[in-house]
Every structure is written in structure tokens, then in C-alpha cells.
Amino acid sequence: MNSGEERSEWPSVRWHLPKGVDVLTTLATRSAFMLGEAYIGWLGRGLYGGFFKLPVQ
């Protein structure tokens, strides 16, 4: 394990976690952000369609 590069980025987290956990965490974070953006977009469409009666695509 080359600890020099990894310790400079995330000293307390990445150095102690195995690689698989790090990859899973990254994927989970990305999918959470994507879900959040989709939810915000859906919420915005609902608000615009409900309050302003605009045509929603």
C-alpha cells in the first residue's frame, strides 16, 4: 500500500479504509447527488405546474 499519496488527500478516512469501501462510498455519494438533483427538478416542475399553471414537459 502506498500511503504517501493517499494520506495527503484524506488523512483520517481514506488511509484506514480498504479500496473497495472507498469506491463504494464514492459511488453512493454520486448516486445520492444525482437523486437529489432529480428530486429538486421534479419538485420544481410540480411547483411551477401547480402554482403558475405553466405547461410542464
Protein backbone atom coordinates (compact mmCIF):
# COMPACT_ATOMS: atom_id res chain seq x y z
CA MET A 1 0.00 0.00 0.00
CA ASN A 2 1.48 3.35 -0.94
CA SER A 3 0.47 5.55 1.96
CA GLY A 4 2.22 8.74 0.84
CA GLU A 5 -0.24 9.83 -1.85
CA GLU A 6 -3.41 8.72 -0.13
CA ARG A 7 -2.60 10.29 3.22
CA SER A 8 -2.18 13.72 1.63
CA GLU A 9 -5.78 13.71 0.39
CA TRP A 10 -7.90 12.26 3.22
CA PRO A 11 -5.64 11.71 6.23
CA SER A 12 -8.23 10.28 8.62
CA VAL A 13 -10.64 8.45 6.33
CA ARG A 14 -9.09 7.01 3.21
CA TRP A 15 -5.94 5.73 4.81
CA HIS A 16 -7.87 3.45 7.16
CA LEU A 17 -10.46 2.19 4.70
CA PRO A 18 -9.83 -0.58 2.18
CA LYS A 19 -10.09 0.29 -1.50
CA GLY A 20 -13.47 -1.37 -2.03
CA VAL A 21 -15.11 0.69 0.71
CA ASP A 22 -13.67 3.87 -0.76
CA VAL A 23 -15.09 3.04 -4.20
CA LEU A 24 -18.48 2.18 -2.71
CA THR A 25 -18.55 5.43 -0.77
CA THR A 26 -17.75 7.41 -3.91
CA LEU A 27 -20.47 5.65 -5.89
CA ALA A 28 -23.01 6.12 -3.10
CA THR A 29 -22.19 9.82 -2.87
CA ARG A 30 -22.51 10.30 -6.62
CA SER A 31 -25.83 8.48 -6.83
CA ALA A 32 -27.14 10.46 -3.86
CA PHE A 33 -26.26 13.72 -5.63
CA MET A 34 -27.93 12.51 -8.82
CA LEU A 35 -31.07 11.53 -6.90
CA GLY A 36 -31.06 14.91 -5.17
CA GLU A 37 -30.85 16.77 -8.46
CA ALA A 38 -33.62 14.66 -9.97
CA TYR A 39 -35.81 15.25 -6.91
CA ILE A 40 -35.22 19.02 -7.00
CA GLY A 41 -36.05 19.08 -10.71
CA TRP A 42 -39.23 17.08 -10.11
CA LEU A 43 -40.20 19.33 -7.20
CA GLY A 44 -39.59 22.44 -9.30
CA ARG A 45 -41.76 21.09 -12.12
CA GLY A 46 -44.50 20.31 -9.62
CA LEU A 47 -44.37 23.79 -8.10
CA TYR A 48 -44.37 25.56 -11.46
CA GLY A 49 -47.18 23.39 -12.76
CA GLY A 50 -49.25 23.74 -9.60
CA PHE A 51 -48.90 27.43 -8.82
CA PHE A 52 -48.43 29.05 -12.18
CA LYS A 53 -50.32 26.59 -14.39
CA LEU A 54 -47.47 26.51 -16.90
CA PRO A 55 -47.26 23.63 -19.38
CA VAL A 56 -44.86 21.08 -17.93
CA GLN A 57 -42.95 19.00 -20.44
